[in-house]
Protein backbone atom coordinates (compact mmCIF):
# COMPACT_ATOMS: atom_id res chain seq x y z
CA UNK A 1 0.00 0.00 0.00
CA UNK A 2 2.77 2.41 0.92
CA UNK A 3 4.54 1.47 -2.33
CA UNK A 4 1.53 2.58 -4.35
CA UNK A 5 1.18 5.85 -2.42
CA UNK A 6 4.84 6.66 -3.02
CA UNK A 7 4.47 5.69 -6.67
CA UNK A 8 1.37 7.88 -7.14
CA UNK A 9 3.03 10.88 -5.46
CA UNK A 10 6.33 10.62 -7.33
CA UNK A 11 4.64 9.85 -10.65
CA UNK A 12 2.25 12.77 -10.23
CA UNK A 13 5.07 15.13 -9.28
CA UNK A 14 7.18 13.99 -12.25
CA UNK A 15 4.16 14.32 -14.56
CA UNK A 16 3.49 17.89 -13.46
CA UNK A 17 7.18 18.80 -13.85
CA UNK A 18 7.25 17.23 -17.32
CA UNK A 19 4.11 19.12 -18.36
CA UNK A 20 5.64 22.40 -17.12
CA UNK A 21 8.76 21.78 -19.21
CA UNK A 22 6.62 20.96 -22.25
CA UNK A 23 4.52 24.08 -21.74
CA UNK A 24 7.60 26.30 -21.51
CA UNK A 25 8.69 25.27 -24.99
CA UNK A 26 5.18 25.07 -26.44
CA UNK A 27 3.72 28.44 -25.42
CA UNK A 28 5.13 31.31 -27.44
CA UNK A 29 3.83 34.31 -29.35
CA UNK A 30 2.56 33.29 -32.76
CA UNK A 31 1.92 29.65 -31.80
CA UNK A 32 -1.58 28.20 -31.58
CA UNK A 33 -3.41 27.92 -28.27
CA UNK A 34 -2.10 25.26 -25.88
CA UNK A 35 -4.40 23.10 -23.72
CA UNK A 36 -2.42 22.81 -20.48
CA UNK A 37 -4.93 20.48 -18.79
CA UNK A 38 -4.62 17.90 -21.56
CA UNK A 39 -0.83 18.19 -21.42
CA UNK A 40 -0.82 17.55 -17.65
CA UNK A 41 -3.09 14.51 -18.07
CA UNK A 42 -0.93 13.04 -20.85
CA UNK A 43 2.33 13.67 -19.00
CA UNK A 44 0.98 12.11 -15.79
CA UNK A 45 -0.28 9.07 -17.72
CA UNK A 46 3.17 8.75 -19.30
CA UNK A 47 5.02 8.99 -15.98
CA UNK A 48 2.70 6.39 -14.40
CA UNK A 49 2.93 3.92 -17.30
CA UNK A 50 6.55 4.31 -18.44
CA UNK A 51 8.28 2.55 -15.48
CA UNK A 52 5.99 -0.48 -15.74
CA UNK A 53 6.40 -0.59 -19.52
CA UNK A 54 10.20 -0.43 -19.16
CA UNK A 55 10.27 -3.26 -16.59
CA UNK A 56 7.95 -5.41 -18.70
CA UNK A 57 10.09 -4.77 -21.80
CA UNK A 58 13.28 -5.72 -19.95
CA UNK A 59 11.60 -8.81 -18.49
CA UNK A 60 10.41 -10.01 -21.91
CA UNK A 61 13.77 -9.28 -23.52
CA UNK A 62 15.89 -11.13 -20.93
CA UNK A 63 13.27 -13.37 -19.32
CA UNK A 64 14.44 -16.77 -20.57
CA UNK A 65 18.11 -16.12 -19.78
CA UNK A 66 17.39 -14.75 -16.30
CA UNK A 67 14.56 -16.92 -14.95
CA UNK A 68 16.47 -20.22 -14.95
CA UNK A 69 19.41 -18.99 -12.80
CA UNK A 70 16.99 -17.16 -10.48
CA UNK A 71 14.99 -20.37 -9.97
CA UNK A 72 18.24 -22.29 -9.34
CA UNK A 73 19.36 -19.66 -6.81
CA UNK A 74 15.96 -19.69 -5.10
CA UNK A 75 15.94 -23.48 -4.79
CA UNK A 76 19.51 -23.75 -3.46
CA UNK A 77 20.73 -20.55 -1.79
CA UNK A 78 17.93 -18.05 -1.17
CA UNK A 79 16.88 -17.02 2.33
CA UNK A 80 13.22 -17.05 1.20
CA UNK A 81 10.95 -20.09 1.12
CA UNK A 82 7.79 -20.93 -0.82
CA UNK A 83 6.98 -20.49 -4.49
CA UNK A 84 8.18 -17.79 -6.87
CA UNK A 85 5.25 -15.77 -8.25
CA UNK A 86 7.05 -13.05 -10.24
CA UNK A 87 10.48 -12.40 -11.65
CA UNK A 88 10.80 -8.90 -13.09
CA UNK A 89 13.97 -7.42 -14.58
CA UNK A 90 14.20 -3.93 -13.16
CA UNK A 91 17.31 -2.87 -15.06
CA UNK A 92 19.93 -4.62 -17.15
CA UNK A 93 23.20 -3.71 -18.81
CA UNK A 94 25.52 -5.91 -20.83
CA UNK A 95 27.20 -7.25 -17.69
CA UNK A 96 24.77 -6.87 -14.75
CA UNK A 97 21.03 -7.07 -14.09
CA UNK A 98 18.81 -6.10 -11.18
CA UNK A 99 15.78 -8.32 -10.67
CA UNK A 100 12.76 -8.31 -8.36
CA UNK A 101 11.72 -11.76 -7.16
CA UNK A 102 8.29 -12.03 -5.51
CA UNK A 103 7.49 -15.15 -3.50
CA UNK A 104 4.43 -16.67 -1.79
CA UNK A 105 5.63 -17.92 1.58
CA UNK A 106 3.44 -19.81 4.07
CA UNK A 107 3.40 -18.35 7.56
CA UNK A 108 3.33 -20.35 10.80
CA UNK A 109 -0.27 -19.32 11.60
CA UNK A 110 -1.57 -20.50 8.19
CA UNK A 111 -1.55 -17.23 6.23
CA UNK A 112 0.52 -16.34 3.19
CA UNK A 113 3.26 -13.71 3.16
CA UNK A 114 4.41 -12.09 -0.07
CA UNK A 115 8.11 -11.31 0.45
CA UNK A 116 10.07 -9.46 -2.19
CA UNK A 117 13.79 -9.71 -2.86
CA UNK A 118 16.05 -7.64 -5.07
CA UNK A 119 18.67 -9.77 -6.79
CA UNK A 120 21.82 -8.62 -8.52
CA UNK A 121 23.00 -10.86 -11.34
CA UNK A 122 26.31 -10.81 -13.17
CA UNK A 123 26.72 -12.15 -16.67
CA UNK A 124 29.14 -15.03 -16.66
CA UNK A 125 28.93 -18.54 -17.99
CA UNK A 126 28.96 -21.12 -15.19
CA UNK A 127 27.93 -24.67 -14.56
CA UNK A 128 25.64 -25.43 -11.62
CA UNK A 129 25.73 -28.50 -9.37
CA UNK A 130 22.75 -29.90 -11.30
CA UNK A 131 24.89 -30.01 -14.48
CA UNK A 132 23.11 -27.18 -16.30
CA UNK A 133 24.96 -24.22 -17.74
CA UNK A 134 23.70 -20.70 -17.14
CA UNK A 135 24.68 -17.34 -18.63
CA UNK A 136 23.82 -15.27 -15.51
CA UNK A 137 24.75 -15.80 -11.86
CA UNK A 138 23.09 -14.29 -8.80
CA UNK A 139 25.78 -12.51 -6.81
CA UNK A 140 23.69 -10.64 -4.23
CA UNK A 141 20.26 -10.93 -2.60
CA UNK A 142 18.59 -8.15 -0.64
CA UNK A 143 15.28 -8.99 0.99
CA UNK A 144 13.17 -5.85 0.79
CA UNK A 145 9.90 -7.00 2.28
CA UNK A 146 9.23 -10.03 4.53
CA UNK A 147 7.12 -10.57 7.64
CA UNK A 148 9.24 -13.52 8.81
CA UNK A 149 12.44 -11.45 8.62
CA UNK A 150 10.78 -8.23 9.89
CA UNK A 151 11.76 -6.28 6.77
CA UNK A 152 9.71 -3.40 5.40
CA UNK A 153 10.83 -1.57 2.30
CA UNK A 154 9.46 0.49 -0.56
CA UNK A 155 10.08 -0.49 -4.18
CA UNK A 156 9.58 1.63 -7.27
CA UNK A 157 7.65 0.68 -9.38
CA UNK A 158 5.56 -1.27 -6.85
CA UNK A 159 5.42 -5.06 -7.21
Foldseek 3Di string as FASTA:
>chain_A
DVQVVVLLVVLLVQLVVVLVVVCVVQDDPPHDDDDSVVSSVVSSVCSSVVQVVVQVVVCVVCVVQPPVQVVVCQVPPDPADAAWDDWIFNDDDPFKTKIKTWGWHADPVGDTDIWIKIWMKTADWDADPVGDIHRIHTDDIDTADDPVVPHHHHDPNDD
